[in-house]
Protein backbone atom coordinates (compact mmCIF):
# COMPACT_ATOMS: atom_id res chain seq x y z
CA MET A 1 126.60 78.36 92.78
CA THR A 2 124.34 77.89 89.68
CA VAL A 3 120.59 79.07 89.98
CA LYS A 4 119.27 77.67 86.80
CA ALA A 5 119.51 74.01 85.67
CA GLN A 6 119.47 74.00 81.87
CA GLY A 7 116.00 74.71 80.26
CA GLY A 8 115.07 74.53 84.05
CA VAL A 9 112.87 76.70 86.50
CA ASP A 10 114.56 80.61 88.05
CA ALA A 11 114.81 79.53 91.76
CA THR A 12 115.96 83.17 92.21
CA LEU A 13 113.77 85.78 94.04
CA SER A 14 113.36 89.42 92.45
CA GLY A 15 112.22 91.48 95.68
CA LEU A 16 112.78 91.13 99.55
CA SER A 17 111.14 93.49 102.28
CA VAL A 18 111.20 93.52 106.04
CA ASN A 19 108.29 95.38 107.12
CA GLY A 20 107.34 97.08 104.36
CA THR A 21 110.60 98.27 103.33
CA VAL A 22 112.70 96.76 100.66
CA VAL A 23 115.77 95.00 101.82
CA GLU A 24 118.74 97.48 101.25
CA GLY A 25 121.58 95.70 98.87
CA PHE A 26 118.77 92.85 97.54
CA SER A 27 120.49 91.25 94.69
CA GLN A 28 118.34 87.90 93.69
CA TYR A 29 121.84 86.43 93.31
CA ARG A 30 122.80 87.80 97.22
CA PHE A 31 121.67 85.21 99.77
CA GLU A 32 122.48 86.66 103.01
CA TYR A 33 121.29 90.34 104.55
CA SER A 34 121.27 91.76 108.02
CA VAL A 35 119.07 93.96 108.65
CA ASP A 36 117.75 96.12 111.34
CA SER A 37 114.17 95.24 112.83
CA GLY A 38 113.79 98.00 115.78
CA VAL A 39 112.85 97.19 119.08
CA TRP A 40 113.06 93.59 120.36
CA GLY A 41 109.37 91.80 120.48
CA ALA A 42 107.55 90.61 117.17
CA ASP A 43 108.42 88.56 114.91
CA PRO A 44 109.47 90.73 111.72
CA ILE A 45 106.91 90.60 108.49
CA VAL A 46 108.88 89.21 105.51
CA LYS A 47 107.89 89.51 102.04
CA ALA A 48 109.17 87.70 99.02
CA THR A 49 108.92 88.09 95.19
CA ALA A 50 109.78 84.64 93.28
CA THR A 51 111.22 85.18 89.84
CA ASP A 52 109.54 82.73 88.28
CA ARG A 53 106.45 82.99 90.93
CA ASN A 54 104.57 80.03 89.32
CA ASN A 55 106.85 77.43 88.91
CA VAL A 56 108.72 77.97 92.75
CA THR A 57 107.47 77.32 96.07
CA ILE A 58 108.96 80.01 98.74
CA GLN A 59 108.59 78.38 102.39
CA THR A 60 109.18 81.32 104.95
CA ASP A 61 110.54 80.34 108.58
CA VAL A 62 110.69 83.74 110.42
CA ASN A 63 111.53 84.25 114.15
CA THR A 64 112.53 87.48 116.15
CA ILE A 65 116.45 87.06 114.93
CA ARG A 66 116.88 85.74 111.93
CA ALA A 67 114.32 85.12 108.63
CA ILE A 68 115.44 81.57 106.28
CA LEU A 69 113.20 81.59 103.02
CA THR A 70 113.55 78.37 101.18
CA VAL A 71 113.30 78.74 97.19
CA THR A 72 112.22 74.88 95.50
CA PRO A 73 111.49 74.91 91.91
CA ASN A 74 108.37 73.07 91.14
CA ASP A 75 110.24 70.56 88.35
CA GLY A 76 112.46 69.11 91.34
CA GLY A 77 115.37 71.07 91.22
CA GLU A 78 117.81 72.48 93.46
CA PRO A 79 116.46 75.13 95.91
CA LEU A 80 117.82 78.18 96.80
CA THR A 81 117.98 79.96 100.42
CA TYR A 82 117.87 83.70 101.37
CA THR A 83 119.12 84.57 105.17
CA ILE A 84 117.59 87.40 106.89
CA HIS A 85 119.72 88.22 110.33
CA PHE A 86 117.92 91.10 112.21
CA ILE A 87 119.15 93.70 114.04
CA SER A 88 117.43 94.75 117.03
CA THR A 89 117.32 96.94 120.51
CA THR A 90 115.69 95.78 123.78
CA GLU A 91 116.19 99.43 124.98
CA GLY A 92 112.43 100.92 125.14
CA CYS A 93 110.93 96.84 125.04
CA GLN A 94 108.00 95.31 126.51
CA ALA A 95 108.45 94.65 130.71
CA VAL A 96 107.27 91.17 131.47
CA SER A 97 103.84 91.20 132.96
CA ALA A 98 101.75 89.24 134.87
CA PRO A 99 100.93 85.80 135.34
CA TRP A 100 104.57 86.00 134.62
CA LYS A 101 107.46 86.83 136.92
CA THR A 102 111.12 87.90 136.72
CA THR A 103 114.15 86.96 139.31
CA SER A 104 117.59 87.13 139.18
CA TRP A 105 119.93 85.56 141.92
CA GLY A 106 123.09 86.92 141.74
CA ASN A 107 123.71 89.98 139.18
CA ALA A 108 120.35 91.66 138.53
CA GLY A 109 119.82 90.82 134.77
CA ALA A 110 117.45 92.40 131.75
CA PHE A 111 114.10 90.48 130.62
CA CYS A 112 111.65 91.46 127.79
CA GLU A 113 108.60 90.35 126.62
CA GLY A 114 107.38 89.47 123.27
CA ALA A 115 104.34 88.51 122.07
CA ASP A 116 103.04 84.72 122.34
CA GLY A 117 105.07 83.34 125.13
CA SER A 118 108.22 85.56 123.96
CA PHE A 119 111.18 86.66 126.38
CA ASN A 120 114.53 87.95 126.15
CA ILE A 121 117.10 87.20 128.72
CA THR A 122 119.97 88.90 129.34
CA ASP A 123 121.64 87.37 132.22
CA ALA A 124 124.77 89.98 133.49
CA SER A 125 127.76 87.94 134.08
CA ASN A 126 126.04 85.17 136.55
CA ASN A 127 128.53 82.30 137.44
CA GLY A 128 125.64 79.46 136.97
CA VAL A 129 124.08 76.75 139.23
CA TRP A 130 126.33 74.27 141.08
CA THR A 131 127.04 73.13 145.10
CA ASN A 132 127.25 76.43 146.66
CA LYS A 133 126.64 78.48 144.03
CA ASP A 134 122.63 79.54 142.85
CA ASN A 135 122.76 82.42 140.20
CA LEU A 136 120.48 82.70 137.25
CA SER A 137 118.08 84.53 135.72
CA THR A 138 114.29 83.92 134.89
CA VAL A 139 111.07 84.49 134.01
CA TRP A 140 108.35 81.61 135.91
CA LYS A 141 104.60 81.32 136.88
CA ALA A 142 103.95 80.39 140.19
CA GLU A 143 102.47 77.32 141.79
CA LYS A 144 101.45 76.43 138.03
CA LEU A 145 103.53 72.94 137.31
CA ASP A 146 100.77 70.10 139.13
CA VAL A 147 101.02 66.24 138.06
CA GLY A 148 100.31 66.04 134.66
CA GLY A 149 101.25 69.64 134.07
CA SER A 150 104.17 70.64 131.45
CA ILE A 151 105.46 73.38 129.75
CA GLU A 152 107.00 73.85 126.41
CA THR A 153 109.32 76.65 124.70
CA SER A 154 111.53 77.14 122.25
CA ILE A 155 115.19 78.70 122.95
CA THR A 156 115.37 80.76 119.52
CA SER A 157 118.88 81.72 120.27
CA SER A 158 121.25 81.75 122.37
CA SER A 159 124.27 84.33 122.43
CA PRO A 160 127.38 82.85 124.62
CA GLY A 161 129.49 86.24 124.41
CA SER A 162 133.00 85.66 125.97
CA ASN A 163 130.93 82.24 128.31
CA THR A 164 132.47 79.13 127.06
CA ASP A 165 129.69 77.37 128.84
CA PRO A 166 126.62 79.56 129.18
CA ARG A 167 123.11 77.27 129.89
CA SER A 168 119.33 78.15 129.29
CA GLY A 169 116.01 76.11 129.53
CA ILE A 170 113.51 75.06 131.58
CA ILE A 171 113.28 75.23 135.56
CA ILE A 172 110.90 74.23 138.70
CA ARG A 173 111.15 74.41 142.12
CA ASN A 174 109.41 75.35 145.51
CA ASP A 175 110.07 78.83 145.20
CA LEU A 176 111.51 81.02 141.86
CA SER A 177 110.89 83.81 143.61
CA ALA A 178 114.57 86.02 145.16
CA SER A 179 113.50 84.59 148.77
CA GLY A 180 113.97 80.56 147.52
CA LYS A 181 117.41 81.45 145.96
CA ALA A 182 119.97 78.62 147.88
CA SER A 183 117.27 77.22 149.93
CA ALA A 184 114.24 76.15 147.80
CA HIS A 185 113.79 72.46 147.61
CA GLY A 186 111.69 70.94 144.24
CA TYR A 187 114.55 72.10 142.46
CA ALA A 188 115.44 70.78 138.97
CA LEU A 189 116.71 72.89 135.47
CA LEU A 190 116.26 71.10 132.06
CA ALA A 191 119.33 72.66 130.74
CA ALA A 192 120.73 73.29 127.36
CA GLY A 193 123.76 74.26 126.20
CA LEU A 194 126.47 73.98 123.04
CA SER A 195 127.18 70.52 123.92
CA GLY A 196 123.90 69.50 124.10
CA SER A 197 120.87 68.91 126.59
CA PHE A 198 120.99 67.89 130.34
CA PHE A 199 119.19 67.61 133.61
CA GLN A 200 120.33 68.87 136.55
CA THR A 201 118.90 68.30 140.44
CA ASP A 202 119.20 68.71 143.63
CA ALA A 203 119.89 65.27 144.72
CA ASN A 204 120.75 65.91 147.95
CA ASN A 205 117.93 68.53 148.84
CA ASN A 206 120.00 70.77 150.26
CA GLY A 207 118.98 73.69 148.45
CA PHE A 208 121.36 73.41 145.50
CA ILE A 209 121.96 71.91 142.29
CA ASP A 210 124.47 68.64 142.76
CA SER A 211 124.04 66.27 140.26
CA GLU A 212 123.48 65.77 136.22
CA SER A 213 122.56 63.53 133.75
CA ALA A 214 124.34 62.72 130.36
CA LYS A 215 124.20 65.22 128.09
CA THR A 216 122.37 64.65 124.59
CA ALA A 217 124.82 66.23 122.19
CA ALA A 218 121.73 66.21 119.14
CA ALA A 219 119.96 68.93 121.51
CA LYS A 220 122.24 72.09 121.87
CA THR A 221 121.83 75.46 121.89
CA SER A 222 122.76 77.91 118.65
CA PRO A 223 122.64 81.61 117.78
CA ASP A 224 120.17 80.93 115.06
CA ARG A 225 118.96 77.22 115.01
CA PRO A 226 115.73 77.36 117.30
CA LEU A 227 115.73 74.06 120.31
CA TYR A 228 112.60 72.70 121.26
CA LEU A 229 111.95 71.83 124.91
CA LYS A 230 109.66 70.13 126.96
CA LEU A 231 109.22 69.13 130.52
CA LEU A 232 106.22 67.37 131.95
CA ARG A 233 105.84 66.61 135.51
CA THR A 234 104.64 62.85 135.41
CA THR A 235 104.66 62.25 139.24
CA ARG A 236 105.04 64.43 142.40
CA THR A 237 108.30 63.51 142.43
CA LYS A 238 109.83 62.69 138.83
CA VAL A 239 109.30 64.74 135.83
CA GLU A 240 110.51 64.13 131.76
CA GLY A 241 112.22 66.33 129.16
CA PHE A 242 112.22 66.02 125.23
CA TYR A 243 113.54 67.87 122.40
CA ARG A 244 112.55 68.09 118.88
CA LEU A 245 115.14 70.04 115.93
CA SER A 246 111.61 71.86 113.97
CA PRO A 247 107.60 72.13 115.42
CA SER A 248 106.90 69.67 112.85
CA ASP A 249 109.24 66.37 114.52
CA GLY A 250 108.13 63.99 117.05
CA TRP A 251 109.06 65.00 120.61
CA VAL A 252 112.49 62.89 121.53
CA SER A 253 112.99 61.94 125.19
CA LEU A 254 115.49 63.30 127.27
CA GLY A 255 115.39 60.87 130.13
CA THR A 256 113.72 61.52 133.40
CA ALA A 257 114.45 63.33 136.75
CA ASP A 258 113.61 62.45 140.32
CA PHE A 259 113.55 65.70 142.82
CA SER A 260 112.19 65.69 146.59
CA SER A 261 109.28 64.33 148.26
CA ASP A 262 108.43 67.34 149.69
CA ALA A 263 108.28 68.99 146.49
CA ASP A 264 104.77 71.29 146.72
CA ASP A 265 102.02 69.93 145.38
CA ALA A 266 102.13 72.71 142.20
CA LEU A 267 105.61 73.91 141.52
CA ASP A 268 106.99 77.26 140.39
CA VAL A 269 108.22 76.77 136.60
CA GLY A 270 109.45 78.98 134.00
CA VAL A 271 112.76 79.23 131.46
CA PHE A 272 116.23 80.40 132.37
CA ALA A 273 120.01 81.68 131.46
CA THR A 274 122.65 81.60 132.99
CA ALA A 275 126.53 82.95 131.78
CA ASN A 276 127.57 80.13 133.86
CA THR A 277 131.25 80.99 133.31
CA ALA A 278 130.95 84.91 134.69
CA LYS A 279 133.35 86.32 131.75
CA SER A 280 130.35 88.15 129.99
CA ASN A 281 126.26 88.96 129.77
CA TYR A 282 124.93 86.45 128.10
CA THR A 283 121.31 86.60 126.26
CA ALA A 284 118.91 83.59 125.64
CA ILE A 285 115.66 84.38 123.47
CA PHE A 286 112.48 82.24 124.28
CA GLU A 287 109.49 82.33 122.10
CA ASP A 288 106.29 80.14 122.29
CA THR A 289 106.51 79.40 126.18
CA ILE A 290 103.16 78.12 127.55
CA VAL A 291 102.93 76.47 130.44
CA LEU A 292 99.86 74.37 131.28
CA SER A 293 98.20 72.46 134.82
CA SER A 294 96.42 68.78 134.11
CA THR A 295 93.42 71.11 134.21
CA ASP A 296 94.36 73.47 131.44
CA PRO A 297 92.42 72.67 128.44
CA ALA A 298 95.05 71.59 125.35
CA PRO A 299 95.34 75.26 123.91
CA VAL A 300 93.79 75.20 120.34
CA LYS A 301 96.04 76.30 117.32
CA VAL A 302 95.58 76.83 113.79
CA LYS A 303 96.10 73.64 112.14
CA SER A 304 95.10 74.92 108.37
CA ILE A 305 93.96 78.03 106.70
CA ALA A 306 91.97 78.19 103.18
CA ILE A 307 90.67 80.71 101.08
CA GLY A 308 87.13 81.03 102.16
CA VAL A 309 86.08 83.62 99.40
CA VAL A 310 88.26 84.86 96.88
CA PRO A 311 88.87 89.30 96.37
CA GLU A 312 86.10 90.77 94.38
CA LYS A 313 89.04 91.34 91.97
CA THR A 314 90.88 88.96 90.51
CA GLU A 315 91.73 90.03 86.88
CA TYR A 316 94.01 93.28 86.44
CA LYS A 317 95.66 95.32 83.56
CA LYS A 318 99.43 95.42 83.66
CA GLY A 319 100.69 97.54 86.07
CA GLU A 320 96.99 97.85 88.21
CA VAL A 321 97.45 98.06 91.76
CA PHE A 322 96.54 94.81 93.62
CA SER A 323 93.32 94.57 96.10
CA ALA A 324 92.40 92.28 98.58
CA LYS A 325 89.18 93.74 99.37
CA GLY A 326 86.54 90.83 99.83
CA LEU A 327 89.20 88.55 100.61
CA GLU A 328 88.23 85.75 103.51
CA VAL A 329 90.59 83.38 105.19
CA THR A 330 89.07 80.65 107.15
CA ALA A 331 91.20 78.74 109.30
CA GLU A 332 90.49 74.44 110.68
CA MET A 333 91.70 74.68 114.25
CA SER A 334 93.03 71.82 116.08
CA ASP A 335 89.72 71.42 118.15
CA GLY A 336 88.25 70.87 114.91
CA SER A 337 85.86 74.14 115.02
CA GLN A 338 86.68 76.61 111.62
CA LYS A 339 87.09 80.01 112.08
CA THR A 340 87.15 83.47 109.74
CA LEU A 341 90.96 84.88 110.25
CA ALA A 342 91.18 88.75 110.68
CA PRO A 343 93.37 90.70 107.87
CA ASP A 344 96.21 90.89 110.68
CA GLU A 345 96.12 87.65 111.07
CA TYR A 346 97.66 86.51 108.25
CA ILE A 347 100.06 88.03 105.71
CA ILE A 348 99.72 88.26 101.80
CA ASP A 349 102.90 87.89 99.70
CA PRO A 350 103.70 90.85 97.07
CA VAL A 351 101.31 90.79 94.25
CA ASP A 352 103.73 91.63 91.28
CA THR A 353 101.24 92.90 88.50
CA ALA A 354 103.64 94.29 86.37
CA HIS A 355 104.34 90.83 84.09
CA ILE A 356 101.23 89.36 82.30
CA GLY A 357 99.81 86.15 83.17
CA SER A 358 97.94 83.66 85.66
CA GLN A 359 99.71 84.45 89.27
CA LYS A 360 99.37 82.23 92.14
CA VAL A 361 98.95 84.56 95.16
CA ILE A 362 100.04 83.00 98.75
CA VAL A 363 98.50 83.93 102.11
CA SER A 364 99.90 82.55 105.00
CA LEU A 365 99.19 82.30 108.69
CA LYS A 366 100.89 85.41 110.44
CA SER A 367 101.94 83.31 113.36
CA ASP A 368 103.04 80.45 111.66
CA ARG A 369 104.25 81.47 107.86
CA THR A 370 105.08 77.30 106.96
CA ILE A 371 100.88 77.84 106.73
CA THR A 372 99.35 78.89 103.98
CA ALA A 373 96.94 79.05 101.13
CA SER A 374 97.05 80.90 97.58
CA PHE A 375 93.83 82.27 95.43
CA SER A 376 95.02 82.74 91.82
CA ILE A 377 94.85 86.37 89.89
CA VAL A 378 95.27 87.03 86.12
CA VAL A 379 97.42 89.89 84.87
CA LYS A 380 96.46 91.27 80.79
CA GLU A 381 97.34 93.88 78.91
CA ASP A 382 96.49 97.11 78.73
CA VAL A 383 95.07 97.97 75.62
CA PRO A 384 96.30 100.65 74.20
CA ALA A 385 94.18 103.02 72.38
CA GLY A 386 93.62 103.90 69.47
CA ILE A 387 94.23 100.53 67.76
CA PRO A 388 91.90 100.26 64.92
CA GLU A 389 89.43 97.04 64.18
CA PRO A 390 90.78 95.24 61.13
CA VAL A 391 89.33 95.36 57.68
CA GLU A 392 89.08 92.63 54.61
CA SER A 393 92.02 94.34 53.06
CA ASP A 394 93.93 93.52 56.17
CA LEU A 395 93.96 89.86 56.07
CA VAL A 396 96.83 89.25 53.24
CA GLY A 397 99.51 86.18 52.92
CA ALA A 398 102.21 87.70 55.49
CA ASN A 399 99.24 86.95 58.35
CA HIS A 400 97.84 83.93 57.13
CA ALA A 401 98.21 81.69 59.82
CA ILE A 402 97.33 78.21 58.41
CA ASP A 403 97.23 76.67 61.67
CA LEU A 404 95.26 78.98 63.60
CA VAL A 405 92.68 76.63 63.46
CA GLN A 406 93.24 72.75 63.02
CA VAL A 407 90.33 71.66 61.84
CA ASP A 408 88.00 72.36 58.86
CA TYR A 409 84.87 72.00 60.23
CA ALA A 410 82.67 72.60 63.18
CA LYS A 411 79.14 73.47 64.47
CA PRO A 412 77.60 75.57 66.42
CA ASP A 413 78.34 74.89 70.38
CA ASP A 414 81.29 73.17 69.59
CA SER A 415 84.67 74.38 71.57
CA LEU A 416 87.35 75.66 69.16
CA VAL A 417 90.80 75.74 70.15
CA LEU A 418 93.36 78.40 68.35
CA HIS A 419 96.75 77.99 68.03
CA THR A 420 98.76 81.23 68.13
CA GLY A 421 102.32 80.03 68.72
CA SER A 422 103.81 79.54 71.91
CA ARG A 423 105.65 82.48 71.37
CA ASN A 424 102.44 84.44 71.97
CA ALA A 425 102.11 83.15 75.54
CA GLY A 426 100.46 86.03 78.08
CA ARG A 427 99.33 87.98 75.36
CA SER A 428 95.90 89.10 74.87
CA LEU A 429 93.83 89.75 71.76
CA ARG A 430 89.96 89.79 70.53
CA VAL A 431 88.89 87.36 68.23
CA TYR A 432 86.58 88.20 64.59
CA LEU A 433 84.52 86.01 62.53
CA PHE A 434 85.20 88.10 59.08
CA SER A 435 83.93 89.42 56.07
CA LYS A 436 83.90 92.33 57.56
CA ALA A 437 85.00 93.51 61.30
CA VAL A 438 82.32 91.70 63.62
CA ARG A 439 83.83 91.43 67.23
CA ILE A 440 83.44 87.28 68.37
CA ALA A 441 85.06 87.42 71.28
CA ASP A 442 87.18 89.52 73.58
CA ASP A 443 89.82 90.32 75.96
CA LEU A 444 91.13 86.66 76.14
CA MET A 445 94.56 85.49 77.29
CA VAL A 446 96.79 82.91 75.25
CA THR A 447 98.27 80.21 77.32
CA SER A 448 101.29 79.27 78.19
CA ASP A 449 101.02 76.24 74.62
CA GLY A 450 100.10 79.73 72.93
CA THR A 451 96.60 78.42 72.60
CA VAL A 452 92.90 80.29 73.05
CA ARG A 453 90.07 78.20 73.68
CA VAL A 454 86.50 79.85 72.40
CA THR A 455 82.90 78.34 71.45
CA VAL A 456 81.03 78.51 68.12
CA PRO A 457 78.14 80.18 69.25
CA SER A 458 74.48 79.00 68.46
CA GLY A 459 73.40 80.97 65.74
CA THR A 460 76.58 80.91 63.92
CA SER A 461 75.75 81.04 60.47
CA ILE A 462 76.38 77.77 58.22
CA GLU A 463 78.74 78.80 55.83
CA ASN A 464 82.60 79.39 55.09
CA HIS A 465 84.65 81.39 57.58
CA ARG A 466 87.52 83.35 58.15
CA VAL A 467 88.51 83.70 61.96
CA VAL A 468 91.09 86.54 62.98
CA VAL A 469 92.83 87.22 66.02
CA GLN A 470 93.91 90.35 67.14
CA PHE A 471 96.55 91.40 69.39
CA LEU A 472 95.82 93.78 71.89
CA ASP A 473 99.63 95.35 72.73
CA ASP A 474 99.98 96.13 68.97
CA GLY A 475 97.30 95.48 66.90
CA SER A 476 99.30 92.62 65.11
CA LEU A 477 96.70 90.41 63.07
CA GLN A 478 96.47 86.34 62.51
CA TRP A 479 93.56 84.14 60.57
CA ASP A 480 92.65 81.17 58.88
CA ASN A 481 89.62 79.26 57.51
CA LEU A 482 87.22 77.23 59.49
CA ASN A 483 84.15 75.98 57.52
CA ILE A 484 80.52 75.89 59.88
CA VAL A 485 78.36 73.13 59.22
CA SER A 486 74.93 72.81 60.67
CA SER A 487 74.27 69.44 61.02
CA HIS A 488 75.62 65.63 60.37
CA THR A 489 73.40 62.46 59.28
CA ASP A 490 73.54 59.01 60.80
CA ASP A 491 76.17 58.09 58.24
CA GLY A 492 78.58 60.71 59.45
CA GLU A 493 78.33 62.83 56.05
CA VAL A 494 78.06 66.68 55.97
CA ASN A 495 75.02 68.50 56.23
CA ASP A 496 76.09 71.97 54.60
CA SER A 497 73.35 74.29 54.12
CA ALA A 498 76.42 76.42 52.52
CA ASN A 499 77.40 73.81 49.72
CA ASP A 500 73.91 73.00 49.03
CA SER A 501 72.95 76.67 48.39
CA GLY A 502 75.65 76.77 45.42
CA SER A 503 77.74 78.88 46.75
CA GLY A 504 80.39 77.11 44.99
CA SER A 505 82.41 76.37 48.22
CA GLU A 506 83.75 73.32 49.25
CA VAL A 507 83.92 71.49 51.63
CA LYS A 508 87.48 70.12 52.38
CA GLY A 509 88.22 66.40 53.08
CA SER A 510 88.21 63.02 50.99
CA ALA A 511 86.14 61.84 53.51
CA ALA A 512 83.70 61.85 56.31
CA VAL A 513 85.07 61.98 59.90
CA PRO A 514 82.56 61.21 63.03
CA SER A 515 80.68 64.23 64.02
CA ALA A 516 82.19 65.40 60.29
CA ARG A 517 84.73 67.52 61.93
CA LEU A 518 87.95 66.84 59.28
CA ALA A 519 91.27 67.62 60.33
CA LYS A 520 92.84 70.97 58.23
CA THR A 521 94.11 69.21 54.90
CA GLY A 522 94.21 72.63 53.02
CA SER A 523 92.23 75.75 52.28
CA SER A 524 92.06 78.87 50.05
CA THR A 525 90.81 81.96 51.06
CA VAL A 526 86.91 82.30 50.03
CA PRO A 527 84.41 85.40 50.72
CA ILE A 528 82.01 85.09 53.29
CA VAL A 529 79.15 87.17 55.04
CA GLY A 530 79.54 89.21 57.93
CA ILE A 531 77.78 87.71 61.18
CA ALA A 532 76.63 89.27 64.40
CA VAL A 533 77.45 86.47 66.69
CA LEU A 534 79.71 86.34 70.01
CA PHE A 535 82.37 83.49 70.56
CA ALA A 536 82.15 82.57 74.90
CA ILE A 537 85.42 81.92 76.75
CA PHE A 538 84.46 77.97 77.02
CA GLY A 539 82.77 76.32 79.09
CA VAL A 540 80.21 73.89 77.94
CA GLY A 541 80.33 72.35 74.52
CA PHE A 542 82.29 69.39 73.19
CA THR A 543 86.04 69.60 72.10
CA VAL A 544 86.75 70.04 68.03
CA TYR A 545 88.90 67.51 67.07
CA GLY A 546 90.27 65.56 64.15
CA ARG A 547 92.88 63.65 62.94
CA ARG A 548 96.16 65.90 62.57
CA ARG A 549 97.38 67.52 58.63
CA HIS A 550 100.34 65.72 57.59
CA MET A 551 103.50 67.98 57.87
């Protein structure tokens, strides 16, 4: 598999963890894993670190049985997909609790309740529902589905075992308790199986399912691909079913079904599973199950999140431990309201301070990892102790970088771009004006194009200078010449008090340019007087410009 186009972005992961533990056997070129996630009930917390974290987007889709991580290069390259299969146990899981109830018609099933409307149903080899059979396992709410009411759920996993036609989905009936078996009316199923989804109903109203609709093949179950179902009671005797394959898709109708006229005003409603062919146990996992009556308000959900306040610390030395102290994450809700999320409601992706440079930190909603926000941090070199400040004798031809300063002239308050070379991207440096070592900017970081930007301070002396940069990782130097001029006449000529004073310095260039800032045409080293001024990181001021030198 190709993971990086020629000259393109590396779309691999460099790290992967589940519930805080590094995935055993992880390799950036291995794309499928199985991980013990413990007792079933909550979505495991999956965190991933990209190899080229500033140039890819990671989309994380997690449920109780698997995680799919899609790494997409920002340059339009081919995405990579990593899959984690979770191995869990139901031993010691949470029992189903009120207002939900459980019923097994036939062999006794096993039930677990997880977070946010999640249920794990194991049907014990029952033989299904049809004409004279009424054997299944269900989790349900009593007297909840009135006209205008609805139920939504997702079948996260359907594990057939040895069964050739297991079924799971949504169930309604006048009575879903044990006493309703083979007798209660108002009976209908929105059933999903390996070959699609369809309605089953009690057409002759005798307490047994005896009729079914055509199957919609696209709406089929899978061991690891969720199927989303919805049932809406449109009239006293009619329901409409819907499906979708992703929560971002629109609902697609599965048609309607009629049931008996003696259906209760508010039907029992829930989710069910049946092995159907009675060859082995059958497990179906449901998530995000919600039942609404016609009078219930619509659930308020998180629509988007944003960074309300960035953490107190956003600059780090290489290898320093990240801290989220002070971070505030806000949420826009589906009803238009705003709220501040608690720390246990969001997840911060791993932060790698081992690499120099700016870094985007992803924050995702814990209940829906597709909802994200981000902020940036900067990791800088930890300055080694004992790097001496440069002296004049250090400025020799070997470290004279003739392209460091690409203009001859600048005046106080101008912005100045220093060109150190793209090979130095991510390195930290100091900047000096020189005849003796006077530091004028400290702890700047070279950008990806090899530049740093500083501002000439207001009090800079009007004379010829040498600009010196010192890299903080090894103390190495680059230097170049720069003339600071005071002002400009209306006709564009330079007022240069250094030249007027008879200092012997020469303004380079054959003609004045606007603002008297000329492209560099060549320079020579000249003695200069030390100045105690400080360059500020670029914020205000005009950008130094001019024609480039001829190469």
